[in-house]
Amino acid sequence: MAPSLDIVFAALADPTRRRILSMLLEDDMAVTDVAAPFDMSLAAISKHLGILAGAGLISQEKRGRVKWCALEPDALREASIWMQGFGQFEAVNLDAFERFLRHEGLSREDG
C-alpha cells in the first residue's frame, strides 16, 4: 500500500529532506555521502532518511558495510497528480507548491 499523501507531504515539508531528494536524483548514494554537505550529525541525517523511507520516497539497502539510499521514482506520483489538479503546478514542482501554500496561509505552522 502506498503511503498516504499526509505522510508524503509531511516528509517533503522539511528543506533538508527536499535537498536530500534532489541529491538522489543524480544517483544512488551512500549514507555518508548524503550526510557530507550538511552541517549536522550522521544520526540527524539518518533520522531524515528514515522519514523519507517511511514515506516511500527513498529505499535503503545495505551493500557490505555501507548503507545506500536510492530515490523511489514512483513515490511522488500520487502527490504530483494531486498537485496537477490545481493546474498551476508542474509535476513535482515542490518549491512552487510551498510558495502557493504560504501565499494561501496554509503553511505547516498553521497546522
PDB file of N, CA and C in Angstrom:
ATOM      1  N   MET A   1       0.842  -1.194   0.000  1.00  0.00           N
ATOM      2  CA  MET A   1       0.000   0.000   0.000  1.00  0.00           C
ATOM      3  C   MET A   1       0.879   1.246   0.000  1.00  0.00           C
ATOM      4  N   ALA A   2       0.554   2.208  -0.822  1.00  0.00           N
ATOM      5  CA  ALA A   2       1.321   3.446  -0.909  1.00  0.00           C
ATOM      6  C   ALA A   2       1.086   4.296   0.341  1.00  0.00           C
ATOM      7  N   PRO A   3       2.127   5.017   0.779  1.00  0.00           N
ATOM      8  CA  PRO A   3       1.940   5.917   1.925  1.00  0.00           C
ATOM      9  C   PRO A   3       0.894   6.981   1.601  1.00  0.00           C
ATOM     10  N   SER A   4       0.224   7.466   2.640  1.00  0.00           N
ATOM     11  CA  SER A   4      -0.800   8.486   2.421  1.00  0.00           C
ATOM     12  C   SER A   4      -0.150   9.795   1.998  1.00  0.00           C
ATOM     13  N   LEU A   5      -0.945  10.625   1.364  1.00  0.00           N
ATOM     14  CA  LEU A   5      -0.453  11.951   0.962  1.00  0.00           C
ATOM     15  C   LEU A   5       0.026  12.742   2.170  1.00  0.00           C
ATOM     16  N   ASP A   6      -0.644  12.580   3.304  1.00  0.00           N
ATOM     17  CA  ASP A   6      -0.235  13.299   4.511  1.00  0.00           C
ATOM     18  C   ASP A   6       1.198  12.948   4.892  1.00  0.00           C
ATOM     19  N   ILE A   7       1.542  11.667   4.823  1.00  0.00           N
ATOM     20  CA  ILE A   7       2.892  11.230   5.181  1.00  0.00           C
ATOM     21  C   ILE A   7       3.907  11.753   4.166  1.00  0.00           C
ATOM     22  N   VAL A   8       3.557  11.690   2.895  1.00  0.00           N
ATOM     23  CA  VAL A   8       4.460  12.180   1.847  1.00  0.00           C
ATOM     24  C   VAL A   8       4.693  13.673   2.007  1.00  0.00           C
ATOM     25  N   PHE A   9       3.621  14.455   2.172  1.00  0.00           N
ATOM     26  CA  PHE A   9       3.788  15.900   2.307  1.00  0.00           C
ATOM     27  C   PHE A   9       4.495  16.270   3.609  1.00  0.00           C
ATOM     28  N   ALA A  10       4.264  15.529   4.680  1.00  0.00           N
ATOM     29  CA  ALA A  10       4.992  15.788   5.929  1.00  0.00           C
ATOM     30  C   ALA A  10       6.489  15.564   5.720  1.00  0.00           C
ATOM     31  N   ALA A  11       6.839  14.521   4.987  1.00  0.00           N
ATOM     32  CA  ALA A  11       8.254  14.252   4.698  1.00  0.00           C
ATOM     33  C   ALA A  11       8.848  15.361   3.835  1.00  0.00           C
ATOM     34  N   LEU A  12       8.060  15.872   2.901  1.00  0.00           N
ATOM     35  CA  LEU A  12       8.540  16.917   1.989  1.00  0.00           C
ATOM     36  C   LEU A  12       8.560  18.307   2.631  1.00  0.00           C
ATOM     37  N   ALA A  13       7.969  18.438   3.801  1.00  0.00           N
ATOM     38  CA  ALA A  13       7.870  19.745   4.444  1.00  0.00           C
ATOM     39  C   ALA A  13       9.216  20.279   4.913  1.00  0.00           C
ATOM     40  N   ASP A  14      10.178  19.405   5.080  1.00  0.00           N
ATOM     41  CA  ASP A  14      11.480  19.821   5.603  1.00  0.00           C
ATOM     42  C   ASP A  14      12.461  20.111   4.467  1.00  0.00           C
ATOM     43  N   PRO A  15      13.117  21.272   4.486  1.00  0.00           N
ATOM     44  CA  PRO A  15      14.046  21.614   3.403  1.00  0.00           C
ATOM     45  C   PRO A  15      15.251  20.673   3.314  1.00  0.00           C
ATOM     46  N   THR A  16      15.692  20.138   4.428  1.00  0.00           N
ATOM     47  CA  THR A  16      16.809  19.186   4.390  1.00  0.00           C
ATOM     48  C   THR A  16      16.405  17.939   3.613  1.00  0.00           C
ATOM     49  N   ARG A  17      15.200  17.457   3.861  1.00  0.00           N
ATOM     50  CA  ARG A  17      14.736  16.252   3.161  1.00  0.00           C
ATOM     51  C   ARG A  17      14.531  16.521   1.674  1.00  0.00           C
ATOM     52  N   ARG A  18      14.048  17.714   1.329  1.00  0.00           N
ATOM     53  CA  ARG A  18      13.910  18.047  -0.094  1.00  0.00           C
ATOM     54  C   ARG A  18      15.278  18.111  -0.763  1.00  0.00           C
ATOM     55  N   ARG A  19      16.261  18.638  -0.056  1.00  0.00           N
ATOM     56  CA  ARG A  19      17.616  18.696  -0.617  1.00  0.00           C
ATOM     57  C   ARG A  19      18.188  17.292  -0.800  1.00  0.00           C
ATOM     58  N   ILE A  20      17.931  16.414   0.150  1.00  0.00           N
ATOM     59  CA  ILE A  20      18.389  15.021   0.025  1.00  0.00           C
ATOM     60  C   ILE A  20      17.764  14.385  -1.214  1.00  0.00           C
ATOM     61  N   LEU A  21      16.478  14.587  -1.417  1.00  0.00           N
ATOM     62  CA  LEU A  21      15.819  14.026  -2.599  1.00  0.00           C
ATOM     63  C   LEU A  21      16.448  14.568  -3.879  1.00  0.00           C
ATOM     64  N   SER A  22      16.757  15.851  -3.890  1.00  0.00           N
ATOM     65  CA  SER A  22      17.401  16.442  -5.066  1.00  0.00           C
ATOM     66  C   SER A  22      18.756  15.789  -5.329  1.00  0.00           C
ATOM     67  N   MET A  23      19.498  15.531  -4.270  1.00  0.00           N
ATOM     68  CA  MET A  23      20.799  14.877  -4.417  1.00  0.00           C
ATOM     69  C   MET A  23      20.634  13.471  -4.996  1.00  0.00           C
ATOM     70  N   LEU A  24      19.602  12.768  -4.559  1.00  0.00           N
ATOM     71  CA  LEU A  24      19.392  11.392  -5.006  1.00  0.00           C
ATOM     72  C   LEU A  24      18.836  11.313  -6.421  1.00  0.00           C
ATOM     73  N   LEU A  25      18.432  12.452  -6.983  1.00  0.00           N
ATOM     74  CA  LEU A  25      18.013  12.471  -8.388  1.00  0.00           C
ATOM     75  C   LEU A  25      19.168  12.078  -9.292  1.00  0.00           C
ATOM     76  N   GLU A  26      20.382  12.418  -8.876  1.00  0.00           N
ATOM     77  CA  GLU A  26      21.570  12.144  -9.676  1.00  0.00           C
ATOM     78  C   GLU A  26      21.906  10.663  -9.720  1.00  0.00           C
ATOM     79  N   ASP A  27      21.913  10.023  -8.543  1.00  0.00           N
ATOM     80  CA  ASP A  27      22.321   8.619  -8.460  1.00  0.00           C
ATOM     81  C   ASP A  27      22.113   8.132  -7.031  1.00  0.00           C
ATOM     82  N   ASP A  28      22.193   6.820  -6.847  1.00  0.00           N
ATOM     83  CA  ASP A  28      22.180   6.250  -5.506  1.00  0.00           C
ATOM     84  C   ASP A  28      23.390   6.787  -4.750  1.00  0.00           C
ATOM     85  N   MET A  29      23.235   6.915  -3.434  1.00  0.00           N
ATOM     86  CA  MET A  29      24.334   7.445  -2.633  1.00  0.00           C
ATOM     87  C   MET A  29      24.453   6.680  -1.329  1.00  0.00           C
ATOM     88  N   ALA A  30      25.688   6.553  -0.857  1.00  0.00           N
ATOM     89  CA  ALA A  30      25.926   6.010   0.480  1.00  0.00           C
ATOM     90  C   ALA A  30      25.460   7.047   1.500  1.00  0.00           C
ATOM     91  N   VAL A  31      25.011   6.585   2.651  1.00  0.00           N
ATOM     92  CA  VAL A  31      24.514   7.491   3.688  1.00  0.00           C
ATOM     93  C   VAL A  31      25.586   8.525   4.051  1.00  0.00           C
ATOM     94  N   THR A  32      26.830   8.116   4.140  1.00  0.00           N
ATOM     95  CA  THR A  32      27.894   9.062   4.491  1.00  0.00           C
ATOM     96  C   THR A  32      28.046  10.144   3.421  1.00  0.00           C
ATOM     97  N   ASP A  33      27.839   9.791   2.163  1.00  0.00           N
ATOM     98  CA  ASP A  33      27.909  10.786   1.081  1.00  0.00           C
ATOM     99  C   ASP A  33      26.715  11.733   1.126  1.00  0.00           C
ATOM    100  N   VAL A  34      25.558  11.200   1.495  1.00  0.00           N
ATOM    101  CA  VAL A  34      24.377  12.056   1.658  1.00  0.00           C
ATOM    102  C   VAL A  34      24.639  13.071   2.766  1.00  0.00           C
ATOM    103  N   ALA A  35      25.256  12.618   3.843  1.00  0.00           N
ATOM    104  CA  ALA A  35      25.483  13.475   5.014  1.00  0.00           C
ATOM    105  C   ALA A  35      26.543  14.541   4.787  1.00  0.00           C
ATOM    106  N   ALA A  36      27.486  14.287   3.882  1.00  0.00           N
ATOM    107  CA  ALA A  36      28.665  15.147   3.730  1.00  0.00           C
ATOM    108  C   ALA A  36      28.364  16.643   3.589  1.00  0.00           C
ATOM    109  N   PRO A  37      27.414  17.065   2.738  1.00  0.00           N
ATOM    110  CA  PRO A  37      27.231  18.512   2.571  1.00  0.00           C
ATOM    111  C   PRO A  37      26.453  19.203   3.698  1.00  0.00           C
ATOM    112  N   PHE A  38      25.956  18.437   4.655  1.00  0.00           N
ATOM    113  CA  PHE A  38      25.123  19.013   5.713  1.00  0.00           C
ATOM    114  C   PHE A  38      25.932  19.263   6.977  1.00  0.00           C
ATOM    115  N   ASP A  39      25.595  20.321   7.665  1.00  0.00           N
ATOM    116  CA  ASP A  39      26.237  20.644   8.928  1.00  0.00           C
ATOM    117  C   ASP A  39      25.390  20.077  10.069  1.00  0.00           C
ATOM    118  N   MET A  40      25.302  18.748  10.086  1.00  0.00           N
ATOM    119  CA  MET A  40      24.569  18.058  11.149  1.00  0.00           C
ATOM    120  C   MET A  40      25.157  16.672  11.312  1.00  0.00           C
ATOM    121  N   SER A  41      24.796  16.033  12.400  1.00  0.00           N
ATOM    122  CA  SER A  41      25.368  14.724  12.706  1.00  0.00           C
ATOM    123  C   SER A  41      24.834  13.649  11.751  1.00  0.00           C
ATOM    124  N   LEU A  42      25.574  12.568  11.681  1.00  0.00           N
ATOM    125  CA  LEU A  42      25.138  11.422  10.878  1.00  0.00           C
ATOM    126  C   LEU A  42      23.824  10.870  11.431  1.00  0.00           C
ATOM    127  N   ALA A  43      23.662  10.925  12.754  1.00  0.00           N
ATOM    128  CA  ALA A  43      22.408  10.461  13.369  1.00  0.00           C
ATOM    129  C   ALA A  43      21.223  11.316  12.905  1.00  0.00           C
ATOM    130  N   ALA A  44      21.428  12.624  12.794  1.00  0.00           N
ATOM    131  CA  ALA A  44      20.346  13.508  12.337  1.00  0.00           C
ATOM    132  C   ALA A  44      19.997  13.219  10.878  1.00  0.00           C
ATOM    133  N   ILE A  45      21.017  13.013  10.048  1.00  0.00           N
ATOM    134  CA  ILE A  45      20.770  12.669   8.645  1.00  0.00           C
ATOM    135  C   ILE A  45      20.042  11.333   8.563  1.00  0.00           C
ATOM    136  N   SER A  46      20.461  10.380   9.376  1.00  0.00           N
ATOM    137  CA  SER A  46      19.803   9.067   9.385  1.00  0.00           C
ATOM    138  C   SER A  46      18.328   9.188   9.750  1.00  0.00           C
ATOM    139  N   LYS A  47      18.017  10.103  10.657  1.00  0.00           N
ATOM    140  CA  LYS A  47      16.612  10.324  11.020  1.00  0.00           C
ATOM    141  C   LYS A  47      15.834  10.867   9.818  1.00  0.00           C
ATOM    142  N   HIS A  48      16.418  11.837   9.117  1.00  0.00           N
ATOM    143  CA  HIS A  48      15.769  12.373   7.912  1.00  0.00           C
ATOM    144  C   HIS A  48      15.573  11.263   6.872  1.00  0.00           C
ATOM    145  N   LEU A  49      16.592  10.435   6.693  1.00  0.00           N
ATOM    146  CA  LEU A  49      16.489   9.336   5.731  1.00  0.00           C
ATOM    147  C   LEU A  49      15.399   8.348   6.137  1.00  0.00           C
ATOM    148  N   GLY A  50      15.271   8.101   7.427  1.00  0.00           N
ATOM    149  CA  GLY A  50      14.213   7.211   7.919  1.00  0.00           C
ATOM    150  C   GLY A  50      12.829   7.756   7.619  1.00  0.00           C
ATOM    151  N   ILE A  51      12.663   9.058   7.749  1.00  0.00           N
ATOM    152  CA  ILE A  51      11.370   9.685   7.443  1.00  0.00           C
ATOM    153  C   ILE A  51      11.074   9.579   5.953  1.00  0.00           C
ATOM    154  N   LEU A  52      12.093   9.833   5.131  1.00  0.00           N
ATOM    155  CA  LEU A  52      11.910   9.705   3.679  1.00  0.00           C
ATOM    156  C   LEU A  52      11.581   8.263   3.287  1.00  0.00           C
ATOM    157  N   ALA A  53      12.258   7.316   3.914  1.00  0.00           N
ATOM    158  CA  ALA A  53      11.993   5.899   3.626  1.00  0.00           C
ATOM    159  C   ALA A  53      10.593   5.514   4.088  1.00  0.00           C
ATOM    160  N   GLY A  54      10.189   6.000   5.257  1.00  0.00           N
ATOM    161  CA  GLY A  54       8.855   5.705   5.771  1.00  0.00           C
ATOM    162  C   GLY A  54       7.745   6.247   4.885  1.00  0.00           C
ATOM    163  N   ALA A  55       8.043   7.336   4.194  1.00  0.00           N
ATOM    164  CA  ALA A  55       7.078   7.929   3.261  1.00  0.00           C
ATOM    165  C   ALA A  55       7.150   7.268   1.891  1.00  0.00           C
ATOM    166  N   GLY A  56       8.082   6.330   1.732  1.00  0.00           N
ATOM    167  CA  GLY A  56       8.214   5.639   0.449  1.00  0.00           C
ATOM    168  C   GLY A  56       8.957   6.436  -0.605  1.00  0.00           C
ATOM    169  N   LEU A  57       9.577   7.543  -0.217  1.00  0.00           N
ATOM    170  CA  LEU A  57      10.257   8.405  -1.169  1.00  0.00           C
ATOM    171  C   LEU A  57      11.647   7.905  -1.527  1.00  0.00           C
ATOM    172  N   ILE A  58      12.259   7.146  -0.624  1.00  0.00           N
ATOM    173  CA  ILE A  58      13.558   6.539  -0.898  1.00  0.00           C
ATOM    174  C   ILE A  58      13.541   5.096  -0.405  1.00  0.00           C
ATOM    175  N   SER A  59      14.491   4.326  -0.898  1.00  0.00           N
ATOM    176  CA  SER A  59      14.727   2.991  -0.359  1.00  0.00           C
ATOM    177  C   SER A  59      16.150   2.971   0.172  1.00  0.00           C
ATOM    178  N   GLN A  60      16.390   2.080   1.119  1.00  0.00           N
ATOM    179  CA  GLN A  60      17.721   1.929   1.680  1.00  0.00           C
ATOM    180  C   GLN A  60      18.115   0.467   1.596  1.00  0.00           C
ATOM    181  N   GLU A  61      19.380   0.238   1.246  1.00  0.00           N
ATOM    182  CA  GLU A  61      19.871  -1.127   1.065  1.00  0.00           C
ATOM    183  C   GLU A  61      21.287  -1.199   1.607  1.00  0.00           C
ATOM    184  N   LYS A  62      21.554  -2.251   2.357  1.00  0.00           N
ATOM    185  CA  LYS A  62      22.907  -2.459   2.868  1.00  0.00           C
ATOM    186  C   LYS A  62      23.690  -3.253   1.835  1.00  0.00           C
ATOM    187  N   ARG A  63      24.821  -2.711   1.416  1.00  0.00           N
ATOM    188  CA  ARG A  63      25.734  -3.381   0.493  1.00  0.00           C
ATOM    189  C   ARG A  63      27.070  -3.507   1.208  1.00  0.00           C
ATOM    190  N   GLY A  64      27.340  -4.693   1.696  1.00  0.00           N
ATOM    191  CA  GLY A  64      28.530  -4.883   2.525  1.00  0.00           C
ATOM    192  C   GLY A  64      28.348  -4.129   3.823  1.00  0.00           C
ATOM    193  N   ARG A  65      29.280  -3.258   4.118  1.00  0.00           N
ATOM    194  CA  ARG A  65      29.202  -2.459   5.350  1.00  0.00           C
ATOM    195  C   ARG A  65      28.551  -1.101   5.124  1.00  0.00           C
ATOM    196  N   VAL A  66      28.200  -0.812   3.900  1.00  0.00           N
ATOM    197  CA  VAL A  66      27.709   0.523   3.550  1.00  0.00           C
ATOM    198  C   VAL A  66      26.204   0.484   3.283  1.00  0.00           C
ATOM    199  N   LYS A  67      25.498   1.455   3.855  1.00  0.00           N
ATOM    200  CA  LYS A  67      24.065   1.594   3.601  1.00  0.00           C
ATOM    201  C   LYS A  67      23.876   2.607   2.481  1.00  0.00           C
ATOM    202  N   TRP A  68      23.168   2.188   1.429  1.00  0.00           N
ATOM    203  CA  TRP A  68      22.925   3.018   0.251  1.00  0.00           C
ATOM    204  C   TRP A  68      21.478   3.488   0.223  1.00  0.00           C
ATOM    205  N   CYS A  69      21.286   4.665  -0.334  1.00  0.00           N
ATOM    206  CA  CYS A  69      19.948   5.250  -0.483  1.00  0.00           C
ATOM    207  C   CYS A  69      19.669   5.452  -1.965  1.00  0.00           C
ATOM    208  N   ALA A  70      18.429   5.211  -2.348  1.00  0.00           N
ATOM    209  CA  ALA A  70      18.016   5.408  -3.739  1.00  0.00           C
ATOM    210  C   ALA A  70      16.649   6.083  -3.749  1.00  0.00           C
ATOM    211  N   LEU A  71      16.494   6.999  -4.676  1.00  0.00           N
ATOM    212  CA  LEU A  71      15.210   7.654  -4.875  1.00  0.00           C
ATOM    213  C   LEU A  71      14.227   6.636  -5.436  1.00  0.00           C
ATOM    214  N   GLU A  72      13.016   6.657  -4.947  1.00  0.00           N
ATOM    215  CA  GLU A  72      11.955   5.803  -5.491  1.00  0.00           C
ATOM    216  C   GLU A  72      11.154   6.651  -6.478  1.00  0.00           C
ATOM    217  N   PRO A  73      11.372   6.453  -7.768  1.00  0.00           N
ATOM    218  CA  PRO A  73      10.814   7.369  -8.774  1.00  0.00           C
ATOM    219  C   PRO A  73       9.295   7.434  -8.817  1.00  0.00           C
ATOM    220  N   ASP A  74       8.613   6.391  -8.421  1.00  0.00           N
ATOM    221  CA  ASP A  74       7.146   6.411  -8.470  1.00  0.00           C
ATOM    222  C   ASP A  74       6.516   6.960  -7.199  1.00  0.00           C
ATOM    223  N   ALA A  75       7.334   7.229  -6.191  1.00  0.00           N
ATOM    224  CA  ALA A  75       6.800   7.599  -4.886  1.00  0.00           C
ATOM    225  C   ALA A  75       6.045   8.921  -4.898  1.00  0.00           C
ATOM    226  N   LEU A  76       6.435   9.840  -5.753  1.00  0.00           N
ATOM    227  CA  LEU A  76       5.784  11.146  -5.793  1.00  0.00           C
ATOM    228  C   LEU A  76       4.600  11.200  -6.747  1.00  0.00           C
ATOM    229  N   ARG A  77       4.317  10.078  -7.393  1.00  0.00           N
ATOM    230  CA  ARG A  77       3.264  10.064  -8.414  1.00  0.00           C
ATOM    231  C   ARG A  77       1.916  10.570  -7.876  1.00  0.00           C
ATOM    232  N   GLU A  78       1.447  10.031  -6.770  1.00  0.00           N
ATOM    233  CA  GLU A  78       0.135  10.427  -6.242  1.00  0.00           C
ATOM    234  C   GLU A  78       0.123  11.899  -5.833  1.00  0.00           C
ATOM    235  N   ALA A  79       1.216  12.354  -5.190  1.00  0.00           N
ATOM    236  CA  ALA A  79       1.300  13.761  -4.799  1.00  0.00           C
ATOM    237  C   ALA A  79       1.351  14.657  -6.026  1.00  0.00           C
ATOM    238  N   SER A  80       2.082  14.238  -7.034  1.00  0.00           N
ATOM    239  CA  SER A  80       2.185  15.013  -8.270  1.00  0.00           C
ATOM    240  C   SER A  80       0.828  15.117  -8.957  1.00  0.00           C
ATOM    241  N   ILE A  81       0.113  14.021  -9.018  1.00  0.00           N
ATOM    242  CA  ILE A  81      -1.223  14.018  -9.630  1.00  0.00           C
ATOM    243  C   ILE A  81      -2.146  14.954  -8.871  1.00  0.00           C
ATOM    244  N   TRP A  82      -2.069  14.912  -7.539  1.00  0.00           N
ATOM    245  CA  TRP A  82      -2.905  15.773  -6.713  1.00  0.00           C
ATOM    246  C   TRP A  82      -2.583  17.245  -6.991  1.00  0.00           C
ATOM    247  N   MET A  83      -1.279  17.585  -7.059  1.00  0.00           N
ATOM    248  CA  MET A  83      -0.875  18.973  -7.296  1.00  0.00           C
ATOM    249  C   MET A  83      -1.253  19.434  -8.697  1.00  0.00           C
ATOM    250  N   GLN A  84      -1.178  18.549  -9.677  1.00  0.00           N
ATOM    251  CA  GLN A  84      -1.537  18.922 -11.040  1.00  0.00           C
ATOM    252  C   GLN A  84      -3.007  19.298 -11.144  1.00  0.00           C
ATOM    253  N   GLY A  85      -3.818  18.810 -10.215  1.00  0.00           N
ATOM    254  CA  GLY A  85      -5.235  19.154 -10.193  1.00  0.00           C
ATOM    255  C   GLY A  85      -5.472  20.643 -10.019  1.00  0.00           C
ATOM    256  N   PHE A  86      -4.475  21.351  -9.498  1.00  0.00           N
ATOM    257  CA  PHE A  86      -4.604  22.789  -9.340  1.00  0.00           C
ATOM    258  C   PHE A  86      -4.290  23.533 -10.631  1.00  0.00           C
ATOM    259  N   GLY A  87      -3.695  22.830 -11.584  1.00  0.00           N
ATOM    260  CA  GLY A  87      -3.445  23.403 -12.893  1.00  0.00           C
ATOM    261  C   GLY A  87      -2.307  24.391 -12.988  1.00  0.00           C
ATOM    262  N   GLN A  88      -1.806  24.881 -11.880  1.00  0.00           N
ATOM    263  CA  GLN A  88      -0.743  25.873 -11.949  1.00  0.00           C
ATOM    264  C   GLN A  88       0.612  25.302 -11.549  1.00  0.00           C
ATOM    265  N   PHE A  89       0.678  24.004 -11.320  1.00  0.00           N
ATOM    266  CA  PHE A  89       1.925  23.395 -10.900  1.00  0.00           C
ATOM    267  C   PHE A  89       2.400  22.379 -11.921  1.00  0.00           C
ATOM    268  N   GLU A  90       3.691  22.392 -12.182  1.00  0.00           N
ATOM    269  CA  GLU A  90       4.288  21.334 -12.969  1.00  0.00           C
ATOM    270  C   GLU A  90       4.414  20.113 -12.065  1.00  0.00           C
ATOM    271  N   ALA A  91       4.574  18.964 -12.656  1.00  0.00           N
ATOM    272  CA  ALA A  91       4.739  17.750 -11.863  1.00  0.00           C
ATOM    273  C   ALA A  91       5.914  17.916 -10.912  1.00  0.00           C
ATOM    274  N   VAL A  92       5.666  17.671  -9.658  1.00  0.00           N
ATOM    275  CA  VAL A  92       6.662  17.648  -8.595  1.00  0.00           C
ATOM    276  C   VAL A  92       7.446  18.965  -8.496  1.00  0.00           C
ATOM    277  N   ASN A  93       6.796  20.089  -8.751  1.00  0.00           N
ATOM    278  CA  ASN A  93       7.426  21.382  -8.539  1.00  0.00           C
ATOM    279  C   ASN A  93       7.110  21.794  -7.108  1.00  0.00           C
ATOM    280  N   LEU A  94       7.866  21.216  -6.171  1.00  0.00           N
ATOM    281  CA  LEU A  94       7.555  21.362  -4.757  1.00  0.00           C
ATOM    282  C   LEU A  94       7.809  22.771  -4.240  1.00  0.00           C
ATOM    283  N   ASP A  95       8.789  23.465  -4.783  1.00  0.00           N
ATOM    284  CA  ASP A  95       9.047  24.829  -4.335  1.00  0.00           C
ATOM    285  C   ASP A  95       7.868  25.733  -4.676  1.00  0.00           C
ATOM    286  N   ALA A  96       7.323  25.586  -5.883  1.00  0.00           N
ATOM    287  CA  ALA A  96       6.158  26.383  -6.275  1.00  0.00           C
ATOM    288  C   ALA A  96       4.962  26.036  -5.402  1.00  0.00           C
ATOM    289  N   PHE A  97       4.817  24.762  -5.080  1.00  0.00           N
ATOM    290  CA  PHE A  97       3.697  24.359  -4.238  1.00  0.00           C
ATOM    291  C   PHE A  97       3.840  24.936  -2.832  1.00  0.00           C
ATOM    292  N   GLU A  98       5.061  24.949  -2.311  1.00  0.00           N
ATOM    293  CA  GLU A  98       5.291  25.517  -0.984  1.00  0.00           C
ATOM    294  C   GLU A  98       4.972  27.012  -0.975  1.00  0.00           C
ATOM    295  N   ARG A  99       5.382  27.728  -2.035  1.00  0.00           N
ATOM    296  CA  ARG A  99       5.061  29.153  -2.136  1.00  0.00           C
ATOM    297  C   ARG A  99       3.546  29.362  -2.186  1.00  0.00           C
ATOM    298  N   PHE A 100       2.850  28.504  -2.921  1.00  0.00           N
ATOM    299  CA  PHE A 100       1.391  28.584  -3.003  1.00  0.00           C
ATOM    300  C   PHE A 100       0.766  28.419  -1.621  1.00  0.00           C
ATOM    301  N   LEU A 101       1.235  27.425  -0.867  1.00  0.00           N
ATOM    302  CA  LEU A 101       0.684  27.188   0.470  1.00  0.00           C
ATOM    303  C   LEU A 101       0.928  28.380   1.392  1.00  0.00           C
ATOM    304  N   ARG A 102       2.141  28.948   1.312  1.00  0.00           N
ATOM    305  CA  ARG A 102       2.433  30.130   2.137  1.00  0.00           C
ATOM    306  C   ARG A 102       1.525  31.290   1.750  1.00  0.00           C
ATOM    307  N   HIS A 103       1.343  31.485   0.441  1.00  0.00           N
ATOM    308  CA  HIS A 103       0.500  32.574  -0.051  1.00  0.00           C
ATOM    309  C   HIS A 103      -0.945  32.398   0.405  1.00  0.00           C
ATOM    310  N   GLU A 104      -1.405  31.187   0.425  1.00  0.00           N
ATOM    311  CA  GLU A 104      -2.790  30.904   0.810  1.00  0.00           C
ATOM    312  C   GLU A 104      -2.964  30.796   2.332  1.00  0.00           C
ATOM    313  N   GLY A 105      -1.859  30.960   3.072  1.00  0.00           N
ATOM    314  CA  GLY A 105      -1.964  30.901   4.526  1.00  0.00           C
ATOM    315  C   GLY A 105      -2.092  29.495   5.061  1.00  0.00           C
ATOM    316  N   LEU A 106      -1.606  28.521   4.300  1.00  0.00           N
ATOM    317  CA  LEU A 106      -1.743  27.127   4.695  1.00  0.00           C
ATOM    318  C   LEU A 106      -0.383  26.518   5.064  1.00  0.00           C
ATOM    319  N   SER A 107       0.504  27.338   5.584  1.00  0.00           N
ATOM    320  CA  SER A 107       1.835  26.835   5.905  1.00  0.00           C
ATOM    321  C   SER A 107       1.744  25.816   7.018  1.00  0.00           C
ATOM    322  N   ARG A 108       2.802  25.012   7.163  1.00  0.00           N
ATOM    323  CA  ARG A 108       2.795  23.959   8.176  1.00  0.00           C
ATOM    324  C   ARG A 108       2.697  24.524   9.574  1.00  0.00           C
ATOM    325  N   GLU A 109       3.095  25.783   9.793  1.00  0.00           N
ATOM    326  CA  GLU A 109       2.967  26.372  11.110  1.00  0.00           C
ATOM    327  C   GLU A 109       1.509  26.558  11.504  1.00  0.00           C
ATOM    328  N   ASP A 110       0.630  26.634  10.500  1.00  0.00           N
ATOM    329  CA  ASP A 110      -0.792  26.815  10.784  1.00  0.00           C
ATOM    330  C   ASP A 110      -1.462  25.506  11.153  1.00  0.00           C
ATOM    331  N   GLY A 111      -0.709  24.412  11.008  1.00  0.00           N
ATOM    332  CA  GLY A 111      -1.178  23.097  11.393  1.00  0.00           C
ATOM    333  C   GLY A 111      -2.174  22.566  10.480  1.00  0.00           C
TER     334      GLY A 111
END
